[in-house]
Amino acid sequence: MARLLPYLELTPMPVGHVLYESSAPLSHVYFPINSIVSLLYTMDDGTSAEVALVGNEGVVGVSLFMGGETTPNRALVESAGHVYQLASDVLKVEFRLAGSMQRVLLRYTQELLMQMGQTMVCNRLHPMEQQFCRWLLQCFDRLPTNKLIMTQELIAIILGVRRGAISEVAKKMQDAGLIEYHRGRIVLLDRPGLEARACECYAVLKKEFDRLLPRIGDEKLAVRRFPSPSHPL
């Protein structure tokens, strides 16, 4: 922490901001504090789908310390907030010291790869309603409140479906008393009910997340020890 703190830049991130594009050189990594970043794969025709999301448990830009300088996915801010930005050269130096930072980054990367694989299976095998519930629960796990601000259009892009499908499933969840949805604002009302509607993928993701990350003791991801946005560096 003593080595990294002087180089961390607290940066606000609005919804829709692109941290990096597919195949573009990566100059920084980003530690979300209270924002959520969506990792998307975009096809030649412009359609896209989310393969993973990153919140205050992780880091955006794992390719940099895994040996690559680019990544095939696009990183899009799906929930506004702040990130700590760190230059790639600084992170690489710390990673090569083979200390606690390296160990926790590798463990997080394992969790991220598992999330990508499970998300792709979910998108292929499960109905839209279950996908939507799984994705909402993942978002709320990474937010400090039970409120998510996001338009139907952005949710449709993230889940790779038409906007009308999002409207239909959101209304169904609202009618069931699970969420309140109005003009891009989703409020979680009944978490157990939402978990009951989600597919098995959410439970798998949560179990692996709990296994890999919270049990690291003093080696928890550094982002969890960074100052909060209300107390910037």
C-alpha atoms as a PDB file:
ATOM      1  CA  MET A   1       0.000   0.000   0.000  1.00  0.00           C
ATOM      2  CA  ALA A   2       2.813   2.409   0.837  1.00  0.00           C
ATOM      3  CA  ARG A   3       4.301   1.849  -2.609  1.00  0.00           C
ATOM      4  CA  LEU A   4       1.008   2.131  -4.530  1.00  0.00           C
ATOM      5  CA  LEU A   5      -0.851   4.974  -2.803  1.00  0.00           C
ATOM      6  CA  PRO A   6       1.203   7.809  -4.349  1.00  0.00           C
ATOM      7  CA  TYR A   7       0.271   6.576  -7.824  1.00  0.00           C
ATOM      8  CA  LEU A   8      -3.454   5.992  -7.378  1.00  0.00           C
ATOM      9  CA  GLU A   9      -5.776   8.505  -9.031  1.00  0.00           C
ATOM     10  CA  LEU A  10      -9.353   8.794  -7.793  1.00  0.00           C
ATOM     11  CA  THR A  11     -11.507   9.231 -10.918  1.00  0.00           C
ATOM     12  CA  PRO A  12     -15.291   9.666 -11.332  1.00  0.00           C
ATOM     13  CA  MET A  13     -16.893   7.327 -13.850  1.00  0.00           C
ATOM     14  CA  PRO A  14     -20.228   8.234 -15.488  1.00  0.00           C
ATOM     15  CA  VAL A  15     -22.580   5.609 -16.897  1.00  0.00           C
ATOM     16  CA  GLY A  16     -21.624   4.647 -20.434  1.00  0.00           C
ATOM     17  CA  HIS A  17     -17.986   5.706 -20.167  1.00  0.00           C
ATOM     18  CA  VAL A  18     -15.653   3.311 -22.011  1.00  0.00           C
ATOM     19  CA  LEU A  19     -12.484   2.454 -20.092  1.00  0.00           C
ATOM     20  CA  TYR A  20     -11.006   0.651 -23.067  1.00  0.00           C
ATOM     21  CA  GLU A  21     -12.026  -0.737 -26.430  1.00  0.00           C
ATOM     22  CA  SER A  22     -11.414  -4.195 -27.816  1.00  0.00           C
ATOM     23  CA  SER A  23      -7.807  -4.720 -28.996  1.00  0.00           C
ATOM     24  CA  ALA A  24      -6.748  -1.218 -27.899  1.00  0.00           C
ATOM     25  CA  PRO A  25      -3.501  -0.892 -25.899  1.00  0.00           C
ATOM     26  CA  LEU A  26      -4.097  -0.765 -22.142  1.00  0.00           C
ATOM     27  CA  SER A  27      -2.304   2.009 -20.292  1.00  0.00           C
ATOM     28  CA  HIS A  28      -4.011   1.706 -16.895  1.00  0.00           C
ATOM     29  CA  VAL A  29      -5.806  -0.702 -14.596  1.00  0.00           C
ATOM     30  CA  TYR A  30      -8.904   0.390 -12.689  1.00  0.00           C
ATOM     31  CA  PHE A  31     -10.071  -0.533  -9.193  1.00  0.00           C
ATOM     32  CA  PRO A  32     -13.818   0.242  -8.936  1.00  0.00           C
ATOM     33  CA  ILE A  33     -14.860   1.644  -5.571  1.00  0.00           C
ATOM     34  CA  ASN A  34     -18.633   2.132  -5.872  1.00  0.00           C
ATOM     35  CA  SER A  35     -19.052   1.756  -9.634  1.00  0.00           C
ATOM     36  CA  ILE A  36     -19.596  -1.354 -11.762  1.00  0.00           C
ATOM     37  CA  VAL A  37     -17.798  -2.046 -15.034  1.00  0.00           C
ATOM     38  CA  SER A  38     -19.168  -4.427 -17.655  1.00  0.00           C
ATOM     39  CA  LEU A  39     -16.804  -6.519 -19.787  1.00  0.00           C
ATOM     40  CA  LEU A  40     -18.458  -6.941 -23.182  1.00  0.00           C
ATOM     41  CA  TYR A  41     -17.718  -8.858 -26.348  1.00  0.00           C
ATOM     42  CA  THR A  42     -18.880  -6.980 -29.430  1.00  0.00           C
ATOM     43  CA  MET A  43     -19.564  -8.656 -32.787  1.00  0.00           C
ATOM     44  CA  ASP A  44     -18.865  -7.218 -36.235  1.00  0.00           C
ATOM     45  CA  ASP A  45     -22.506  -6.217 -36.638  1.00  0.00           C
ATOM     46  CA  GLY A  46     -22.368  -4.135 -33.446  1.00  0.00           C
ATOM     47  CA  THR A  47     -24.310  -6.499 -31.194  1.00  0.00           C
ATOM     48  CA  SER A  48     -22.727  -7.275 -27.843  1.00  0.00           C
ATOM     49  CA  ALA A  49     -23.172  -9.252 -24.640  1.00  0.00           C
ATOM     50  CA  GLU A  50     -21.629  -9.110 -21.206  1.00  0.00           C
ATOM     51  CA  VAL A  51     -19.219 -11.879 -20.234  1.00  0.00           C
ATOM     52  CA  ALA A  52     -18.357 -10.555 -16.749  1.00  0.00           C
ATOM     53  CA  LEU A  53     -18.770  -7.563 -14.473  1.00  0.00           C
ATOM     54  CA  VAL A  54     -16.311  -5.990 -12.076  1.00  0.00           C
ATOM     55  CA  GLY A  55     -17.095  -4.055  -8.918  1.00  0.00           C
ATOM     56  CA  ASN A  56     -15.336  -3.269  -5.649  1.00  0.00           C
ATOM     57  CA  GLU A  57     -14.054  -6.835  -5.423  1.00  0.00           C
ATOM     58  CA  GLY A  58     -11.785  -6.600  -8.426  1.00  0.00           C
ATOM     59  CA  VAL A  59      -9.720  -4.851 -11.030  1.00  0.00           C
ATOM     60  CA  VAL A  60     -10.344  -3.974 -14.674  1.00  0.00           C
ATOM     61  CA  GLY A  61      -7.402  -4.748 -16.957  1.00  0.00           C
ATOM     62  CA  VAL A  62      -6.103  -8.169 -15.876  1.00  0.00           C
ATOM     63  CA  SER A  63      -4.455  -8.637 -19.296  1.00  0.00           C
ATOM     64  CA  LEU A  64      -1.726  -6.202 -18.286  1.00  0.00           C
ATOM     65  CA  PHE A  65      -0.304  -8.347 -15.510  1.00  0.00           C
ATOM     66  CA  MET A  66      -1.086 -11.633 -17.280  1.00  0.00           C
ATOM     67  CA  GLY A  67       1.367 -10.827 -20.057  1.00  0.00           C
ATOM     68  CA  GLY A  68      -0.807  -9.128 -22.672  1.00  0.00           C
ATOM     69  CA  GLU A  69      -1.086  -5.471 -23.611  1.00  0.00           C
ATOM     70  CA  THR A  70      -4.559  -5.706 -25.166  1.00  0.00           C
ATOM     71  CA  THR A  71      -7.794  -7.568 -24.547  1.00  0.00           C
ATOM     72  CA  PRO A  72     -10.554  -8.761 -26.914  1.00  0.00           C
ATOM     73  CA  ASN A  73     -13.353  -7.333 -24.788  1.00  0.00           C
ATOM     74  CA  ARG A  74     -14.677  -3.821 -24.199  1.00  0.00           C
ATOM     75  CA  ALA A  75     -14.913  -2.283 -20.704  1.00  0.00           C
ATOM     76  CA  LEU A  76     -18.016  -0.128 -20.196  1.00  0.00           C
ATOM     77  CA  VAL A  77     -19.165   1.604 -17.007  1.00  0.00           C
ATOM     78  CA  GLU A  78     -22.666   0.289 -16.315  1.00  0.00           C
ATOM     79  CA  SER A  79     -23.191   1.890 -12.889  1.00  0.00           C
ATOM     80  CA  ALA A  80     -21.723   5.304 -12.113  1.00  0.00           C
ATOM     81  CA  GLY A  81     -19.290   5.903  -9.283  1.00  0.00           C
ATOM     82  CA  HIS A  82     -15.556   6.170  -8.726  1.00  0.00           C
ATOM     83  CA  VAL A  83     -12.490   4.104  -9.552  1.00  0.00           C
ATOM     84  CA  TYR A  84      -8.872   4.261  -8.527  1.00  0.00           C
ATOM     85  CA  GLN A  85      -6.762   4.423 -11.662  1.00  0.00           C
ATOM     86  CA  LEU A  86      -3.220   3.049 -11.680  1.00  0.00           C
ATOM     87  CA  ALA A  87      -0.650   3.259 -14.467  1.00  0.00           C
ATOM     88  CA  SER A  88       0.179  -0.114 -15.968  1.00  0.00           C
ATOM     89  CA  ASP A  89       3.942   0.246 -15.436  1.00  0.00           C
ATOM     90  CA  VAL A  90       3.460   0.769 -11.704  1.00  0.00           C
ATOM     91  CA  LEU A  91       1.292  -2.332 -11.380  1.00  0.00           C
ATOM     92  CA  LYS A  92       3.715  -4.447 -13.398  1.00  0.00           C
ATOM     93  CA  VAL A  93       6.608  -3.521 -11.110  1.00  0.00           C
ATOM     94  CA  GLU A  94       4.569  -4.470  -8.035  1.00  0.00           C
ATOM     95  CA  PHE A  95       3.375  -7.702  -9.658  1.00  0.00           C
ATOM     96  CA  ARG A  96       6.931  -8.792 -10.468  1.00  0.00           C
ATOM     97  CA  LEU A  97       7.911  -8.525  -6.802  1.00  0.00           C
ATOM     98  CA  ALA A  98       5.916 -11.758  -6.349  1.00  0.00           C
ATOM     99  CA  GLY A  99       4.434 -10.600  -3.065  1.00  0.00           C
ATOM    100  CA  SER A 100       0.918 -10.447  -1.686  1.00  0.00           C
ATOM    101  CA  MET A 101      -0.307  -8.200  -4.532  1.00  0.00           C
ATOM    102  CA  GLN A 102       0.654 -10.830  -7.108  1.00  0.00           C
ATOM    103  CA  ARG A 103      -1.037 -13.607  -5.159  1.00  0.00           C
ATOM    104  CA  VAL A 104      -4.313 -11.762  -4.723  1.00  0.00           C
ATOM    105  CA  LEU A 105      -4.409 -10.593  -8.348  1.00  0.00           C
ATOM    106  CA  LEU A 106      -3.948 -14.152  -9.577  1.00  0.00           C
ATOM    107  CA  ARG A 107      -6.668 -15.388  -7.261  1.00  0.00           C
ATOM    108  CA  TYR A 108      -9.009 -12.673  -8.487  1.00  0.00           C
ATOM    109  CA  THR A 109      -8.186 -13.596 -12.097  1.00  0.00           C
ATOM    110  CA  GLN A 110      -9.243 -17.175 -11.344  1.00  0.00           C
ATOM    111  CA  GLU A 111     -12.586 -15.870 -10.063  1.00  0.00           C
ATOM    112  CA  LEU A 112     -12.982 -13.659 -13.155  1.00  0.00           C
ATOM    113  CA  LEU A 113     -12.329 -16.534 -15.557  1.00  0.00           C
ATOM    114  CA  MET A 114     -14.859 -18.672 -13.723  1.00  0.00           C
ATOM    115  CA  GLN A 115     -17.390 -15.829 -13.918  1.00  0.00           C
ATOM    116  CA  MET A 116     -16.851 -15.512 -17.674  1.00  0.00           C
ATOM    117  CA  GLY A 117     -17.373 -19.227 -18.239  1.00  0.00           C
ATOM    118  CA  GLN A 118     -20.488 -19.418 -16.063  1.00  0.00           C
ATOM    119  CA  THR A 119     -21.976 -16.312 -17.687  1.00  0.00           C
ATOM    120  CA  MET A 120     -21.540 -17.759 -21.167  1.00  0.00           C
ATOM    121  CA  VAL A 121     -23.205 -21.013 -20.080  1.00  0.00           C
ATOM    122  CA  CYS A 122     -26.056 -19.033 -18.495  1.00  0.00           C
ATOM    123  CA  ASN A 123     -26.571 -16.934 -21.628  1.00  0.00           C
ATOM    124  CA  ARG A 124     -26.726 -20.085 -23.742  1.00  0.00           C
ATOM    125  CA  LEU A 125     -28.897 -22.357 -21.605  1.00  0.00           C
ATOM    126  CA  HIS A 126     -31.187 -20.320 -19.365  1.00  0.00           C
ATOM    127  CA  PRO A 127     -34.320 -18.242 -20.060  1.00  0.00           C
ATOM    128  CA  MET A 128     -34.115 -14.460 -20.162  1.00  0.00           C
ATOM    129  CA  GLU A 129     -35.939 -14.085 -16.844  1.00  0.00           C
ATOM    130  CA  GLN A 130     -33.367 -16.198 -14.987  1.00  0.00           C
ATOM    131  CA  GLN A 131     -30.479 -14.392 -16.665  1.00  0.00           C
ATOM    132  CA  PHE A 132     -31.942 -11.033 -15.650  1.00  0.00           C
ATOM    133  CA  CYS A 133     -32.315 -12.134 -12.004  1.00  0.00           C
ATOM    134  CA  ARG A 134     -28.769 -13.544 -11.913  1.00  0.00           C
ATOM    135  CA  TRP A 135     -27.351 -10.340 -13.384  1.00  0.00           C
ATOM    136  CA  LEU A 136     -29.326  -8.085 -11.010  1.00  0.00           C
ATOM    137  CA  LEU A 137     -28.094 -10.036  -7.988  1.00  0.00           C
ATOM    138  CA  GLN A 138     -24.515  -9.765  -9.205  1.00  0.00           C
ATOM    139  CA  CYS A 139     -24.949  -6.000  -9.530  1.00  0.00           C
ATOM    140  CA  PHE A 140     -26.457  -5.557  -6.079  1.00  0.00           C
ATOM    141  CA  ASP A 141     -23.643  -7.637  -4.568  1.00  0.00           C
ATOM    142  CA  ARG A 142     -21.273  -4.906  -5.750  1.00  0.00           C
ATOM    143  CA  LEU A 143     -23.305  -1.833  -4.805  1.00  0.00           C
ATOM    144  CA  PRO A 144     -23.412  -0.037  -1.425  1.00  0.00           C
ATOM    145  CA  THR A 145     -27.205   0.402  -1.661  1.00  0.00           C
ATOM    146  CA  ASN A 146     -30.255  -1.475  -2.967  1.00  0.00           C
ATOM    147  CA  LYS A 147     -30.670   1.002  -5.845  1.00  0.00           C
ATOM    148  CA  LEU A 148     -29.350   0.615  -9.366  1.00  0.00           C
ATOM    149  CA  ILE A 149     -29.581   3.425 -11.924  1.00  0.00           C
ATOM    150  CA  MET A 150     -29.579   2.068 -15.474  1.00  0.00           C
ATOM    151  CA  THR A 151     -31.667   2.484 -18.614  1.00  0.00           C
ATOM    152  CA  GLN A 152     -33.435  -0.348 -20.392  1.00  0.00           C
ATOM    153  CA  GLU A 153     -31.316   0.380 -23.451  1.00  0.00           C
ATOM    154  CA  LEU A 154     -28.058  -0.162 -21.562  1.00  0.00           C
ATOM    155  CA  ILE A 155     -29.349  -3.328 -19.859  1.00  0.00           C
ATOM    156  CA  ALA A 156     -30.359  -4.669 -23.292  1.00  0.00           C
ATOM    157  CA  ILE A 157     -26.858  -3.998 -24.631  1.00  0.00           C
ATOM    158  CA  ILE A 158     -25.253  -5.714 -21.636  1.00  0.00           C
ATOM    159  CA  LEU A 159     -27.464  -8.803 -21.816  1.00  0.00           C
ATOM    160  CA  GLY A 160     -27.461  -8.931 -25.601  1.00  0.00           C
ATOM    161  CA  VAL A 161     -31.241  -8.849 -26.050  1.00  0.00           C
ATOM    162  CA  ARG A 162     -33.829  -6.473 -27.482  1.00  0.00           C
ATOM    163  CA  ARG A 163     -34.998  -3.569 -25.343  1.00  0.00           C
ATOM    164  CA  GLY A 164     -38.570  -4.847 -25.292  1.00  0.00           C
ATOM    165  CA  ALA A 165     -37.454  -8.071 -23.625  1.00  0.00           C
ATOM    166  CA  ILE A 166     -35.973  -6.086 -20.735  1.00  0.00           C
ATOM    167  CA  SER A 167     -39.194  -4.113 -20.345  1.00  0.00           C
ATOM    168  CA  GLU A 168     -41.230  -7.323 -20.202  1.00  0.00           C
ATOM    169  CA  VAL A 169     -39.091  -9.131 -17.655  1.00  0.00           C
ATOM    170  CA  ALA A 170     -38.661  -6.020 -15.468  1.00  0.00           C
ATOM    171  CA  LYS A 171     -42.442  -5.570 -15.356  1.00  0.00           C
ATOM    172  CA  LYS A 172     -42.846  -9.218 -14.436  1.00  0.00           C
ATOM    173  CA  MET A 173     -40.357  -8.855 -11.559  1.00  0.00           C
ATOM    174  CA  GLN A 174     -42.080  -5.673 -10.412  1.00  0.00           C
ATOM    175  CA  ASP A 175     -45.534  -7.263 -10.490  1.00  0.00           C
ATOM    176  CA  ALA A 176     -44.140 -10.065  -8.320  1.00  0.00           C
ATOM    177  CA  GLY A 177     -42.957  -7.504  -5.768  1.00  0.00           C
ATOM    178  CA  LEU A 178     -39.289  -8.330  -6.235  1.00  0.00           C
ATOM    179  CA  ILE A 179     -38.134  -4.972  -7.568  1.00  0.00           C
ATOM    180  CA  GLU A 180     -39.404  -1.475  -8.172  1.00  0.00           C
ATOM    181  CA  TYR A 181     -38.559  -0.187 -11.639  1.00  0.00           C
ATOM    182  CA  HIS A 182     -39.236   3.310 -12.918  1.00  0.00           C
ATOM    183  CA  ARG A 183     -37.381   5.406 -15.475  1.00  0.00           C
ATOM    184  CA  GLY A 184     -34.078   3.606 -15.273  1.00  0.00           C
ATOM    185  CA  ARG A 185     -34.114   3.222 -11.493  1.00  0.00           C
ATOM    186  CA  ILE A 186     -34.232  -0.313 -10.071  1.00  0.00           C
ATOM    187  CA  VAL A 187     -34.809  -0.790  -6.344  1.00  0.00           C
ATOM    188  CA  LEU A 188     -34.340  -4.232  -4.819  1.00  0.00           C
ATOM    189  CA  LEU A 189     -37.354  -5.081  -2.624  1.00  0.00           C
ATOM    190  CA  ASP A 190     -37.167  -8.838  -2.079  1.00  0.00           C
ATOM    191  CA  ARG A 191     -33.723 -10.400  -2.345  1.00  0.00           C
ATOM    192  CA  PRO A 192     -34.719 -13.949  -1.293  1.00  0.00           C
ATOM    193  CA  GLY A 193     -37.508 -13.840  -3.866  1.00  0.00           C
ATOM    194  CA  LEU A 194     -35.117 -12.672  -6.569  1.00  0.00           C
ATOM    195  CA  GLU A 195     -32.639 -15.408  -5.675  1.00  0.00           C
ATOM    196  CA  ALA A 196     -35.443 -17.969  -5.929  1.00  0.00           C
ATOM    197  CA  ARG A 197     -36.217 -16.779  -9.473  1.00  0.00           C
ATOM    198  CA  ALA A 198     -32.559 -16.820 -10.578  1.00  0.00           C
ATOM    199  CA  CYS A 199     -30.938 -19.845 -12.178  1.00  0.00           C
ATOM    200  CA  GLU A 200     -28.331 -22.029 -10.468  1.00  0.00           C
ATOM    201  CA  CYS A 201     -25.575 -19.896 -12.010  1.00  0.00           C
ATOM    202  CA  TYR A 202     -25.875 -17.198  -9.369  1.00  0.00           C
ATOM    203  CA  ALA A 203     -25.349 -19.673  -6.531  1.00  0.00           C
ATOM    204  CA  VAL A 204     -22.344 -21.152  -8.343  1.00  0.00           C
ATOM    205  CA  LEU A 205     -20.827 -17.702  -8.868  1.00  0.00           C
ATOM    206  CA  LYS A 206     -21.457 -16.643  -5.278  1.00  0.00           C
ATOM    207  CA  LYS A 207     -19.971 -19.823  -3.832  1.00  0.00           C
ATOM    208  CA  GLU A 208     -16.784 -19.487  -5.872  1.00  0.00           C
ATOM    209  CA  PHE A 209     -16.543 -15.774  -5.109  1.00  0.00           C
ATOM    210  CA  ASP A 210     -16.773 -16.448  -1.368  1.00  0.00           C
ATOM    211  CA  ARG A 211     -14.249 -19.262  -1.632  1.00  0.00           C
ATOM    212  CA  LEU A 212     -11.587 -17.295  -3.501  1.00  0.00           C
ATOM    213  CA  LEU A 213     -11.776 -13.732  -2.231  1.00  0.00           C
ATOM    214  CA  PRO A 214     -12.930 -13.174   1.357  1.00  0.00           C
ATOM    215  CA  ARG A 215     -10.648 -15.861   2.798  1.00  0.00           C
ATOM    216  CA  ILE A 216      -7.411 -14.154   1.861  1.00  0.00           C
ATOM    217  CA  GLY A 217      -7.034 -12.589   5.310  1.00  0.00           C
ATOM    218  CA  ASP A 218      -4.603  -9.687   5.226  1.00  0.00           C
ATOM    219  CA  GLU A 219      -4.162 -10.186   1.488  1.00  0.00           C
ATOM    220  CA  LYS A 220      -7.638  -8.964   0.554  1.00  0.00           C
ATOM    221  CA  LEU A 221      -7.684  -6.945  -2.627  1.00  0.00           C
ATOM    222  CA  ALA A 222      -5.945  -3.647  -1.993  1.00  0.00           C
ATOM    223  CA  VAL A 223      -8.976  -1.744  -3.265  1.00  0.00           C
ATOM    224  CA  ARG A 224     -10.842  -2.673  -0.095  1.00  0.00           C
ATOM    225  CA  ARG A 225      -8.304  -0.723   1.919  1.00  0.00           C
ATOM    226  CA  PHE A 226      -8.170   2.320  -0.302  1.00  0.00           C
ATOM    227  CA  PRO A 227      -9.754   5.530   1.026  1.00  0.00           C
ATOM    228  CA  SER A 228     -13.391   5.952   0.105  1.00  0.00           C
ATOM    229  CA  PRO A 229     -14.432   8.515  -2.547  1.00  0.00           C
ATOM    230  CA  SER A 230     -15.588  10.830   0.237  1.00  0.00           C
ATOM    231  CA  HIS A 231     -11.991  10.930   1.466  1.00  0.00           C
ATOM    232  CA  PRO A 232      -9.922  11.225  -1.727  1.00  0.00           C
ATOM    233  CA  LEU A 233      -6.171  10.877  -1.775  1.00  0.00           C
END
